[in-house]
């Protein structure tokens, strides 16, 4: 997938892009978060996205973050519609022992955060972001082959044309290089539900 398809929604001060790789150097005090629990609002993380009105697709990307070293350093996939409606999936550094693999879904200006602890030794992760109309699925993989579900969610403003892609940020006083490669835009890999039928 050619990186020329992507445009900056919010451009970082330092980055490098070639035909199949994106590198972002995060700036301190950059983040995406809205209100919930902490009550503060942060909306200044760099976001690189493409636009589509395709209702069924998957987007795959490999992230590498060997330089991640400070609490909340993070990089991953994102669908940023506007400041109050977006989602992200990433790994957030916590300390030398563990980090948080998780996702944030923000509808109508309120964020939630679902996480699980993983080893701090993990320094790369693949993500697969899939759309079925206005419902979305985030998956992760350590080898780019075997993906496991992180999150299924509904986006209130996610039914029409959307923007999606990658992001990286350092919410505290930190900076690191995030590397994104192996990007693919494919037919939807998230299969239709085959269980209980709607009423």
N, C-alpha and C. Protein backbone atom coordinates (compact mmCIF):
# COMPACT_ATOMS: atom_id res chain seq x y z
N UNK A 1 0.85 -1.19 0.00
CA UNK A 1 0.00 0.00 0.00
C UNK A 1 0.89 1.24 0.00
N UNK A 2 0.67 2.14 -0.93
CA UNK A 2 1.50 3.33 -1.08
C UNK A 2 1.12 4.38 -0.05
N UNK A 3 2.11 4.90 0.66
CA UNK A 3 1.84 5.91 1.68
C UNK A 3 1.31 7.21 1.08
N UNK A 4 1.39 7.38 -0.24
CA UNK A 4 0.86 8.58 -0.89
C UNK A 4 -0.66 8.69 -0.72
N UNK A 5 -1.30 7.58 -0.35
CA UNK A 5 -2.76 7.60 -0.12
C UNK A 5 -3.12 8.37 1.15
N UNK A 6 -2.13 8.60 2.02
CA UNK A 6 -2.40 9.17 3.33
C UNK A 6 -2.10 10.67 3.36
N UNK A 7 -2.87 11.39 4.18
CA UNK A 7 -2.66 12.82 4.38
C UNK A 7 -2.66 13.10 5.89
N UNK A 8 -1.92 14.11 6.28
CA UNK A 8 -1.87 14.47 7.69
C UNK A 8 -3.17 15.14 8.13
N UNK A 9 -3.80 14.57 9.13
CA UNK A 9 -4.89 15.25 9.83
C UNK A 9 -4.29 16.23 10.82
N UNK A 10 -3.18 15.82 11.42
CA UNK A 10 -2.39 16.70 12.30
C UNK A 10 -0.94 16.31 12.13
N UNK A 11 -0.12 17.22 11.66
CA UNK A 11 1.25 16.90 11.26
C UNK A 11 2.23 17.07 12.42
N UNK A 12 3.12 16.09 12.62
CA UNK A 12 4.15 16.22 13.66
C UNK A 12 5.27 17.14 13.20
N UNK A 13 6.07 17.59 14.13
CA UNK A 13 7.21 18.43 13.77
C UNK A 13 8.30 17.63 13.07
N UNK A 14 8.44 16.37 13.46
CA UNK A 14 9.52 15.55 12.91
C UNK A 14 8.98 14.20 12.43
N UNK A 15 9.21 13.91 11.14
CA UNK A 15 8.75 12.63 10.58
C UNK A 15 9.50 12.35 9.29
N UNK A 16 9.39 11.10 8.83
CA UNK A 16 9.96 10.72 7.54
C UNK A 16 9.01 9.72 6.89
N UNK A 17 8.75 9.93 5.60
CA UNK A 17 7.87 9.04 4.85
C UNK A 17 8.53 8.64 3.55
N UNK A 18 8.54 7.32 3.27
CA UNK A 18 8.86 6.88 1.92
C UNK A 18 7.70 6.02 1.43
N UNK A 19 7.88 5.30 0.33
CA UNK A 19 6.74 4.64 -0.32
C UNK A 19 6.10 3.55 0.53
N UNK A 20 6.85 2.97 1.46
CA UNK A 20 6.26 1.86 2.25
C UNK A 20 6.59 1.93 3.73
N UNK A 21 7.04 3.09 4.20
CA UNK A 21 7.36 3.22 5.62
C UNK A 21 7.11 4.64 6.10
N UNK A 22 6.59 4.74 7.32
CA UNK A 22 6.38 6.04 7.96
C UNK A 22 7.09 6.03 9.31
N UNK A 23 7.87 7.05 9.59
CA UNK A 23 8.50 7.22 10.89
C UNK A 23 8.02 8.53 11.49
N UNK A 24 7.55 8.46 12.74
CA UNK A 24 7.10 9.65 13.46
C UNK A 24 7.94 9.79 14.72
N UNK A 25 8.52 10.96 14.92
CA UNK A 25 9.18 11.28 16.18
C UNK A 25 8.19 12.04 17.02
N UNK A 26 7.77 11.46 18.13
CA UNK A 26 6.73 12.09 18.93
C UNK A 26 7.27 13.32 19.66
N UNK A 27 6.37 14.24 19.91
CA UNK A 27 6.70 15.42 20.72
C UNK A 27 6.12 15.23 22.12
N UNK A 28 6.76 15.79 23.14
CA UNK A 28 6.22 15.68 24.51
C UNK A 28 4.83 16.31 24.62
N UNK A 29 4.03 15.75 25.50
CA UNK A 29 2.72 16.28 25.85
C UNK A 29 1.75 16.27 24.67
N UNK A 30 1.82 15.19 23.88
CA UNK A 30 0.87 14.98 22.79
C UNK A 30 0.01 13.76 23.13
N UNK A 31 -1.29 13.83 22.82
CA UNK A 31 -2.18 12.75 23.24
C UNK A 31 -3.52 12.89 22.54
N UNK A 32 -4.33 11.81 22.62
CA UNK A 32 -5.74 11.83 22.27
C UNK A 32 -6.52 11.31 23.46
N UNK A 33 -7.35 12.14 24.04
CA UNK A 33 -8.22 11.72 25.15
C UNK A 33 -9.32 12.75 25.34
N UNK A 34 -10.51 12.28 25.72
CA UNK A 34 -11.63 13.19 25.97
C UNK A 34 -12.34 12.88 27.29
N UNK A 35 -12.17 13.73 28.25
CA UNK A 35 -12.97 13.86 29.46
C UNK A 35 -12.95 12.70 30.45
N UNK A 36 -13.46 11.53 30.06
CA UNK A 36 -13.84 10.50 31.03
C UNK A 36 -12.78 10.22 32.10
N UNK A 37 -13.20 10.22 33.34
CA UNK A 37 -12.42 9.90 34.53
C UNK A 37 -11.36 10.95 34.85
N UNK A 38 -10.48 11.24 33.89
CA UNK A 38 -9.44 12.23 34.14
C UNK A 38 -9.98 13.66 34.00
N UNK A 39 -11.07 13.79 33.24
CA UNK A 39 -11.77 15.07 33.01
C UNK A 39 -11.03 16.01 32.06
N UNK A 40 -9.75 15.78 31.83
CA UNK A 40 -9.07 16.67 30.89
C UNK A 40 -9.32 16.25 29.45
N UNK A 41 -9.03 17.15 28.53
CA UNK A 41 -9.18 16.90 27.10
C UNK A 41 -7.84 17.17 26.40
N UNK A 42 -7.30 16.14 25.75
CA UNK A 42 -6.07 16.29 24.97
C UNK A 42 -6.37 15.89 23.53
N UNK A 43 -6.03 16.76 22.60
CA UNK A 43 -6.39 16.52 21.20
C UNK A 43 -5.31 17.07 20.28
N UNK A 44 -4.07 16.62 20.50
CA UNK A 44 -2.98 17.17 19.72
C UNK A 44 -1.99 16.13 19.19
N UNK A 45 -2.37 14.85 19.20
CA UNK A 45 -1.48 13.81 18.67
C UNK A 45 -1.43 13.87 17.15
N UNK A 46 -0.26 13.63 16.54
CA UNK A 46 -0.19 13.57 15.09
C UNK A 46 -0.94 12.36 14.55
N UNK A 47 -1.69 12.59 13.46
CA UNK A 47 -2.53 11.56 12.87
C UNK A 47 -2.36 11.59 11.36
N UNK A 48 -2.03 10.44 10.78
CA UNK A 48 -1.86 10.31 9.33
C UNK A 48 -2.92 9.35 8.82
N UNK A 49 -3.80 9.82 7.91
CA UNK A 49 -4.98 9.03 7.55
C UNK A 49 -5.26 9.06 6.05
N UNK A 50 -6.04 8.08 5.61
CA UNK A 50 -6.64 8.11 4.29
C UNK A 50 -8.15 8.15 4.45
N UNK A 51 -8.84 8.55 3.40
CA UNK A 51 -10.30 8.71 3.46
C UNK A 51 -10.96 7.68 2.56
N UNK A 52 -12.11 7.17 3.01
CA UNK A 52 -12.85 6.22 2.19
C UNK A 52 -14.33 6.26 2.55
N UNK A 53 -15.17 5.91 1.59
CA UNK A 53 -16.59 5.68 1.88
C UNK A 53 -16.94 4.20 1.71
N UNK A 54 -15.90 3.37 1.54
CA UNK A 54 -16.08 1.92 1.48
C UNK A 54 -16.64 1.42 2.80
N UNK A 55 -17.72 0.64 2.77
CA UNK A 55 -18.40 0.21 4.00
C UNK A 55 -17.88 -1.10 4.57
N UNK A 56 -17.09 -1.85 3.79
CA UNK A 56 -16.57 -3.13 4.25
C UNK A 56 -15.10 -3.24 3.81
N UNK A 57 -14.19 -3.20 4.77
CA UNK A 57 -12.77 -3.32 4.44
C UNK A 57 -11.98 -3.64 5.69
N UNK A 58 -10.70 -3.98 5.50
CA UNK A 58 -9.74 -4.11 6.60
C UNK A 58 -8.48 -3.34 6.24
N UNK A 59 -7.85 -2.78 7.27
CA UNK A 59 -6.58 -2.07 7.13
C UNK A 59 -5.60 -2.72 8.10
N UNK A 60 -4.43 -3.09 7.58
CA UNK A 60 -3.42 -3.80 8.37
C UNK A 60 -2.15 -2.97 8.38
N UNK A 61 -1.48 -2.90 9.54
CA UNK A 61 -0.22 -2.18 9.64
C UNK A 61 0.64 -2.81 10.73
N UNK A 62 1.95 -2.79 10.51
CA UNK A 62 2.90 -3.23 11.53
C UNK A 62 3.50 -2.01 12.21
N UNK A 63 3.53 -2.02 13.53
CA UNK A 63 4.14 -0.94 14.29
C UNK A 63 5.39 -1.45 15.00
N UNK A 64 6.42 -0.61 15.04
CA UNK A 64 7.64 -0.92 15.78
C UNK A 64 7.99 0.28 16.66
N UNK A 65 8.33 0.00 17.92
CA UNK A 65 8.50 1.07 18.90
C UNK A 65 9.62 0.72 19.88
N UNK A 66 10.76 0.33 19.33
CA UNK A 66 11.88 -0.11 20.17
C UNK A 66 12.39 1.01 21.08
N UNK A 67 12.14 2.27 20.70
CA UNK A 67 12.62 3.39 21.51
C UNK A 67 11.61 3.84 22.57
N UNK A 68 10.44 3.26 22.57
CA UNK A 68 9.43 3.61 23.58
C UNK A 68 9.99 3.35 24.98
N UNK A 69 9.91 4.34 25.87
CA UNK A 69 10.61 4.18 27.15
C UNK A 69 9.97 4.91 28.32
N UNK A 70 8.96 5.75 28.07
CA UNK A 70 8.39 6.57 29.12
C UNK A 70 6.90 6.30 29.23
N UNK A 71 6.36 6.46 30.43
CA UNK A 71 4.95 6.17 30.68
C UNK A 71 4.04 6.82 29.64
N UNK A 72 3.17 6.00 29.06
CA UNK A 72 2.16 6.38 28.09
C UNK A 72 2.67 6.60 26.67
N UNK A 73 4.00 6.48 26.41
CA UNK A 73 4.46 6.48 25.02
C UNK A 73 3.63 5.46 24.25
N UNK A 74 3.16 5.82 23.05
CA UNK A 74 2.23 4.93 22.35
C UNK A 74 2.23 5.17 20.85
N UNK A 75 1.87 4.13 20.09
CA UNK A 75 1.65 4.26 18.65
C UNK A 75 0.75 3.12 18.20
N UNK A 76 -0.02 3.38 17.15
CA UNK A 76 -0.92 2.35 16.67
C UNK A 76 -1.84 2.83 15.57
N UNK A 77 -3.01 2.20 15.50
CA UNK A 77 -4.00 2.54 14.47
C UNK A 77 -5.01 3.53 15.05
N UNK A 78 -5.64 4.27 14.15
CA UNK A 78 -6.60 5.29 14.58
C UNK A 78 -7.66 5.50 13.51
N UNK A 79 -8.86 5.83 13.93
CA UNK A 79 -9.89 6.39 13.05
C UNK A 79 -10.33 7.70 13.70
N UNK A 80 -9.85 8.80 13.14
CA UNK A 80 -10.11 10.11 13.73
C UNK A 80 -11.09 10.86 12.84
N UNK A 81 -12.34 11.00 13.31
CA UNK A 81 -13.37 11.69 12.56
C UNK A 81 -13.39 13.18 12.90
N UNK A 82 -13.37 13.46 14.19
CA UNK A 82 -13.23 14.83 14.69
C UNK A 82 -12.79 14.72 16.15
N UNK A 83 -12.63 15.85 16.83
CA UNK A 83 -12.04 15.82 18.17
C UNK A 83 -12.85 15.01 19.17
N UNK A 84 -14.14 14.83 18.92
CA UNK A 84 -15.00 14.14 19.90
C UNK A 84 -15.49 12.79 19.42
N UNK A 85 -15.02 12.34 18.26
CA UNK A 85 -15.45 11.05 17.71
C UNK A 85 -14.27 10.36 17.02
N UNK A 86 -13.70 9.36 17.70
CA UNK A 86 -12.54 8.66 17.17
C UNK A 86 -12.30 7.38 17.95
N UNK A 87 -11.44 6.53 17.41
CA UNK A 87 -11.00 5.34 18.14
C UNK A 87 -9.52 5.13 17.86
N UNK A 88 -8.86 4.41 18.75
CA UNK A 88 -7.46 4.07 18.55
C UNK A 88 -7.15 2.73 19.20
N UNK A 89 -6.17 2.04 18.65
CA UNK A 89 -5.66 0.81 19.23
C UNK A 89 -4.14 0.90 19.27
N UNK A 90 -3.55 0.56 20.41
CA UNK A 90 -2.11 0.77 20.55
C UNK A 90 -1.55 0.01 21.74
N UNK A 91 -0.23 0.13 21.90
CA UNK A 91 0.45 -0.31 23.11
C UNK A 91 1.00 0.93 23.80
N UNK A 92 0.69 1.09 25.07
CA UNK A 92 1.19 2.21 25.86
C UNK A 92 2.23 1.70 26.85
N UNK A 93 3.42 2.26 26.78
CA UNK A 93 4.49 1.89 27.71
C UNK A 93 4.08 2.27 29.14
N UNK A 94 4.40 1.43 30.09
CA UNK A 94 4.12 1.74 31.49
C UNK A 94 5.41 1.78 32.31
N UNK A 95 6.17 0.69 32.29
CA UNK A 95 7.44 0.66 33.01
C UNK A 95 8.31 -0.46 32.43
N UNK A 96 9.42 -0.77 33.08
CA UNK A 96 10.34 -1.77 32.54
C UNK A 96 9.78 -3.19 32.58
N UNK A 97 8.69 -3.39 33.31
CA UNK A 97 8.11 -4.73 33.44
C UNK A 97 6.93 -4.98 32.52
N UNK A 98 6.06 -4.00 32.35
CA UNK A 98 4.86 -4.24 31.55
C UNK A 98 4.41 -2.98 30.83
N UNK A 99 3.54 -3.19 29.85
CA UNK A 99 2.90 -2.10 29.12
C UNK A 99 1.45 -2.48 28.87
N UNK A 100 0.65 -1.55 28.37
CA UNK A 100 -0.77 -1.78 28.15
C UNK A 100 -1.09 -1.93 26.67
N UNK A 101 -1.59 -3.09 26.30
CA UNK A 101 -2.17 -3.28 24.98
C UNK A 101 -3.64 -2.95 25.10
N UNK A 102 -4.11 -2.00 24.33
CA UNK A 102 -5.50 -1.61 24.54
C UNK A 102 -6.08 -0.75 23.45
N UNK A 103 -7.30 -0.29 23.72
CA UNK A 103 -8.03 0.52 22.75
C UNK A 103 -8.83 1.58 23.49
N UNK A 104 -9.05 2.68 22.80
CA UNK A 104 -9.90 3.76 23.30
C UNK A 104 -10.95 4.04 22.25
N UNK A 105 -12.21 4.09 22.66
CA UNK A 105 -13.31 4.47 21.78
C UNK A 105 -13.94 5.73 22.33
N UNK A 106 -14.07 6.74 21.49
CA UNK A 106 -14.60 8.03 21.90
C UNK A 106 -15.81 8.37 21.04
N UNK A 107 -16.98 8.41 21.66
CA UNK A 107 -18.22 8.81 21.01
C UNK A 107 -18.78 10.02 21.74
N UNK A 108 -19.07 11.08 21.00
CA UNK A 108 -19.70 12.25 21.60
C UNK A 108 -18.89 12.92 22.67
N UNK A 109 -17.57 12.86 22.56
CA UNK A 109 -16.71 13.59 23.48
C UNK A 109 -16.36 12.90 24.78
N UNK A 110 -16.62 11.58 24.87
CA UNK A 110 -16.26 10.83 26.07
C UNK A 110 -15.50 9.57 25.67
N UNK A 111 -14.31 9.41 26.24
CA UNK A 111 -13.44 8.28 25.92
C UNK A 111 -13.59 7.16 26.94
N UNK A 112 -13.46 5.92 26.46
CA UNK A 112 -13.27 4.80 27.38
C UNK A 112 -11.98 4.09 27.01
N UNK A 113 -11.42 3.34 27.93
CA UNK A 113 -10.12 2.70 27.73
C UNK A 113 -10.21 1.27 28.21
N UNK A 114 -9.95 0.31 27.32
CA UNK A 114 -9.93 -1.11 27.66
C UNK A 114 -8.53 -1.64 27.41
N UNK A 115 -7.93 -2.27 28.42
CA UNK A 115 -6.53 -2.70 28.29
C UNK A 115 -6.28 -4.07 28.88
N UNK A 116 -5.14 -4.62 28.49
CA UNK A 116 -4.60 -5.79 29.15
C UNK A 116 -3.09 -5.60 29.26
N UNK A 117 -2.50 -6.10 30.33
CA UNK A 117 -1.06 -5.95 30.54
C UNK A 117 -0.29 -6.97 29.71
N UNK A 118 0.79 -6.51 29.05
CA UNK A 118 1.68 -7.40 28.31
C UNK A 118 3.12 -7.07 28.69
N UNK A 119 4.03 -7.93 28.33
CA UNK A 119 5.43 -7.73 28.69
C UNK A 119 6.02 -6.49 28.03
N UNK A 120 6.85 -5.79 28.77
CA UNK A 120 7.54 -4.61 28.23
C UNK A 120 8.58 -5.00 27.19
N UNK A 121 8.89 -6.29 27.07
CA UNK A 121 9.88 -6.73 26.07
C UNK A 121 9.32 -6.72 24.65
N UNK A 122 8.00 -6.67 24.51
CA UNK A 122 7.38 -6.63 23.18
C UNK A 122 7.59 -5.24 22.57
N UNK A 123 8.22 -5.19 21.41
CA UNK A 123 8.55 -3.90 20.79
C UNK A 123 8.02 -3.76 19.37
N UNK A 124 7.14 -4.68 18.96
CA UNK A 124 6.45 -4.54 17.68
C UNK A 124 5.08 -5.20 17.81
N UNK A 125 4.12 -4.70 17.01
CA UNK A 125 2.78 -5.28 17.01
C UNK A 125 2.10 -4.93 15.69
N UNK A 126 1.38 -5.92 15.16
CA UNK A 126 0.54 -5.71 13.99
C UNK A 126 -0.88 -5.40 14.45
N UNK A 127 -1.56 -4.54 13.71
CA UNK A 127 -2.98 -4.26 13.98
C UNK A 127 -3.79 -4.46 12.70
N UNK A 128 -5.02 -4.94 12.90
CA UNK A 128 -5.97 -5.03 11.78
C UNK A 128 -7.24 -4.31 12.20
N UNK A 129 -7.57 -3.28 11.46
CA UNK A 129 -8.74 -2.45 11.70
C UNK A 129 -9.77 -2.75 10.62
N UNK A 130 -10.96 -3.20 11.02
CA UNK A 130 -11.97 -3.63 10.05
C UNK A 130 -13.28 -2.88 10.24
N UNK A 131 -13.94 -2.64 9.11
CA UNK A 131 -15.22 -1.93 9.12
C UNK A 131 -16.31 -2.78 8.51
N UNK A 132 -17.46 -2.81 9.18
CA UNK A 132 -18.69 -3.34 8.62
C UNK A 132 -19.76 -2.27 8.86
N UNK A 133 -19.93 -1.40 7.88
CA UNK A 133 -20.84 -0.25 7.95
C UNK A 133 -20.44 0.68 9.10
N UNK A 134 -21.26 0.80 10.15
CA UNK A 134 -20.88 1.71 11.24
C UNK A 134 -20.40 0.95 12.48
N UNK A 135 -20.04 -0.31 12.30
CA UNK A 135 -19.44 -1.11 13.36
C UNK A 135 -17.98 -1.42 12.99
N UNK A 136 -17.13 -1.53 14.01
CA UNK A 136 -15.70 -1.63 13.78
C UNK A 136 -15.07 -2.68 14.68
N UNK A 137 -13.98 -3.26 14.20
CA UNK A 137 -13.25 -4.27 14.96
C UNK A 137 -11.76 -3.94 14.92
N UNK A 138 -11.11 -4.02 16.08
CA UNK A 138 -9.66 -3.87 16.18
C UNK A 138 -9.08 -5.20 16.62
N UNK A 139 -8.07 -5.67 15.88
CA UNK A 139 -7.38 -6.91 16.23
C UNK A 139 -5.87 -6.65 16.29
N UNK A 140 -5.14 -7.54 16.94
CA UNK A 140 -3.69 -7.41 17.03
C UNK A 140 -3.04 -8.76 16.76
N UNK A 141 -1.75 -8.69 16.40
CA UNK A 141 -1.00 -9.90 16.10
C UNK A 141 0.48 -9.64 16.32
N UNK A 142 1.17 -10.63 16.87
CA UNK A 142 2.61 -10.51 17.05
C UNK A 142 3.40 -11.00 15.84
N UNK A 143 2.72 -11.71 14.91
CA UNK A 143 3.44 -12.24 13.74
C UNK A 143 2.85 -11.79 12.40
N UNK A 144 1.77 -11.02 12.42
CA UNK A 144 1.15 -10.57 11.19
C UNK A 144 0.31 -11.62 10.50
N UNK A 145 0.15 -12.77 11.13
CA UNK A 145 -0.61 -13.87 10.55
C UNK A 145 -1.81 -14.22 11.42
N UNK A 146 -1.55 -14.45 12.68
CA UNK A 146 -2.59 -14.87 13.62
C UNK A 146 -3.07 -13.66 14.43
N UNK A 147 -4.25 -13.16 14.09
CA UNK A 147 -4.81 -11.99 14.75
C UNK A 147 -5.82 -12.39 15.81
N UNK A 148 -5.84 -11.63 16.90
CA UNK A 148 -6.82 -11.86 17.96
C UNK A 148 -7.58 -10.57 18.25
N UNK A 149 -8.82 -10.75 18.58
CA UNK A 149 -9.72 -9.61 18.77
C UNK A 149 -9.36 -8.79 20.01
N UNK A 150 -9.29 -7.49 19.84
CA UNK A 150 -9.13 -6.56 20.96
C UNK A 150 -10.44 -5.86 21.29
N UNK A 151 -11.21 -5.51 20.26
CA UNK A 151 -12.36 -4.64 20.51
C UNK A 151 -13.33 -4.69 19.34
N UNK A 152 -14.62 -4.76 19.63
CA UNK A 152 -15.69 -4.50 18.67
C UNK A 152 -16.47 -3.31 19.22
N UNK A 153 -16.77 -2.36 18.35
CA UNK A 153 -17.47 -1.17 18.84
C UNK A 153 -18.34 -0.57 17.74
N UNK A 154 -19.23 0.31 18.15
CA UNK A 154 -20.08 1.08 17.25
C UNK A 154 -19.66 2.53 17.32
N UNK A 155 -19.57 3.17 16.16
CA UNK A 155 -19.25 4.58 16.12
C UNK A 155 -20.47 5.37 15.65
N UNK A 156 -20.93 6.27 16.51
CA UNK A 156 -22.16 7.01 16.23
C UNK A 156 -22.06 7.80 14.93
N UNK A 157 -20.88 8.36 14.66
CA UNK A 157 -20.68 9.14 13.42
C UNK A 157 -19.87 8.36 12.39
N UNK A 158 -19.90 7.03 12.50
CA UNK A 158 -19.04 6.21 11.65
C UNK A 158 -19.74 5.54 10.49
N UNK A 159 -20.86 6.07 10.01
CA UNK A 159 -21.63 5.39 8.97
C UNK A 159 -21.33 5.88 7.57
N UNK A 160 -20.73 7.05 7.42
CA UNK A 160 -20.49 7.61 6.10
C UNK A 160 -19.04 7.54 5.70
N UNK A 161 -18.56 8.60 5.09
CA UNK A 161 -17.15 8.69 4.72
C UNK A 161 -16.32 8.84 5.99
N UNK A 162 -15.25 8.09 6.09
CA UNK A 162 -14.42 8.12 7.29
C UNK A 162 -12.96 8.34 6.92
N UNK A 163 -12.15 8.65 7.93
CA UNK A 163 -10.71 8.72 7.80
C UNK A 163 -10.10 7.75 8.80
N UNK A 164 -9.05 7.06 8.40
CA UNK A 164 -8.40 6.11 9.30
C UNK A 164 -6.94 6.01 8.93
N UNK A 165 -6.13 5.55 9.88
CA UNK A 165 -4.70 5.38 9.59
C UNK A 165 -3.89 5.10 10.83
N UNK A 166 -2.87 5.94 11.07
CA UNK A 166 -1.90 5.68 12.14
C UNK A 166 -1.66 6.93 12.97
N UNK A 167 -1.16 6.71 14.18
CA UNK A 167 -0.84 7.84 15.06
C UNK A 167 0.28 7.43 16.00
N UNK A 168 0.90 8.42 16.62
CA UNK A 168 1.90 8.17 17.67
C UNK A 168 1.94 9.41 18.56
N UNK A 169 2.18 9.21 19.85
CA UNK A 169 2.23 10.36 20.75
C UNK A 169 2.94 10.00 22.05
N UNK A 170 3.30 11.05 22.79
CA UNK A 170 3.93 10.91 24.11
C UNK A 170 3.24 11.88 25.06
N UNK A 171 2.25 11.40 25.83
CA UNK A 171 1.47 12.29 26.68
C UNK A 171 2.26 13.00 27.78
N UNK A 172 3.36 12.40 28.24
CA UNK A 172 4.15 13.06 29.27
C UNK A 172 5.41 13.65 28.64
N UNK A 173 6.42 13.94 29.44
CA UNK A 173 7.62 14.63 28.95
C UNK A 173 8.57 13.63 28.31
N UNK A 174 8.26 13.23 27.08
CA UNK A 174 9.01 12.16 26.43
C UNK A 174 8.99 12.35 24.92
N UNK A 175 9.82 11.59 24.24
CA UNK A 175 9.84 11.55 22.78
C UNK A 175 10.44 10.22 22.35
N UNK A 176 9.90 9.63 21.28
CA UNK A 176 10.47 8.39 20.75
C UNK A 176 10.11 8.27 19.28
N UNK A 177 10.78 7.35 18.58
CA UNK A 177 10.50 7.11 17.17
C UNK A 177 9.56 5.92 17.01
N UNK A 178 8.44 6.14 16.34
CA UNK A 178 7.49 5.08 16.00
C UNK A 178 7.62 4.79 14.51
N UNK A 179 7.67 3.50 14.15
CA UNK A 179 7.87 3.09 12.76
C UNK A 179 6.67 2.26 12.31
N UNK A 180 6.13 2.60 11.14
CA UNK A 180 4.95 1.91 10.59
C UNK A 180 5.30 1.36 9.21
N UNK A 181 5.06 0.05 9.01
CA UNK A 181 5.36 -0.60 7.73
C UNK A 181 4.27 -1.61 7.39
N UNK A 182 4.40 -2.26 6.25
CA UNK A 182 3.54 -3.38 5.83
C UNK A 182 2.06 -3.02 5.85
N UNK A 183 1.74 -1.81 5.38
CA UNK A 183 0.34 -1.37 5.36
C UNK A 183 -0.41 -2.01 4.20
N UNK A 184 -1.62 -2.49 4.49
CA UNK A 184 -2.47 -3.10 3.47
C UNK A 184 -3.90 -2.64 3.64
N UNK A 185 -4.58 -2.42 2.52
CA UNK A 185 -6.02 -2.15 2.48
C UNK A 185 -6.64 -3.31 1.74
N UNK A 186 -7.48 -4.10 2.42
CA UNK A 186 -7.96 -5.36 1.85
C UNK A 186 -9.48 -5.47 1.97
N UNK A 187 -10.01 -6.51 1.36
CA UNK A 187 -11.41 -6.87 1.61
C UNK A 187 -11.57 -7.12 3.11
N UNK A 188 -12.79 -6.95 3.58
CA UNK A 188 -13.04 -7.07 5.02
C UNK A 188 -12.70 -8.48 5.53
N UNK A 189 -11.77 -8.55 6.48
CA UNK A 189 -11.38 -9.82 7.08
C UNK A 189 -12.22 -10.17 8.31
N UNK A 190 -13.07 -9.26 8.71
CA UNK A 190 -13.96 -9.45 9.85
C UNK A 190 -15.25 -10.07 9.32
N UNK A 191 -15.43 -11.34 9.59
CA UNK A 191 -16.55 -12.07 9.00
C UNK A 191 -17.87 -11.67 9.63
N UNK A 192 -18.92 -11.78 8.84
CA UNK A 192 -20.27 -11.48 9.32
C UNK A 192 -20.61 -12.42 10.48
N UNK A 193 -21.41 -11.93 11.40
CA UNK A 193 -21.81 -12.73 12.56
C UNK A 193 -22.65 -13.92 12.13
N UNK A 194 -22.33 -15.11 12.67
CA UNK A 194 -23.06 -16.31 12.27
C UNK A 194 -23.77 -16.97 13.44
N UNK A 195 -24.00 -16.21 14.51
CA UNK A 195 -24.67 -16.76 15.69
C UNK A 195 -26.13 -16.36 15.74
N UNK A 196 -26.56 -15.91 16.91
CA UNK A 196 -27.95 -15.53 17.12
C UNK A 196 -28.38 -14.45 16.14
N UNK A 197 -29.52 -14.61 15.53
CA UNK A 197 -30.03 -13.64 14.56
C UNK A 197 -30.76 -12.51 15.28
N UNK A 198 -30.81 -11.33 14.66
CA UNK A 198 -31.54 -10.21 15.26
C UNK A 198 -33.02 -10.54 15.45
N UNK A 199 -33.65 -9.90 16.43
CA UNK A 199 -35.09 -10.10 16.65
C UNK A 199 -35.90 -9.51 15.48
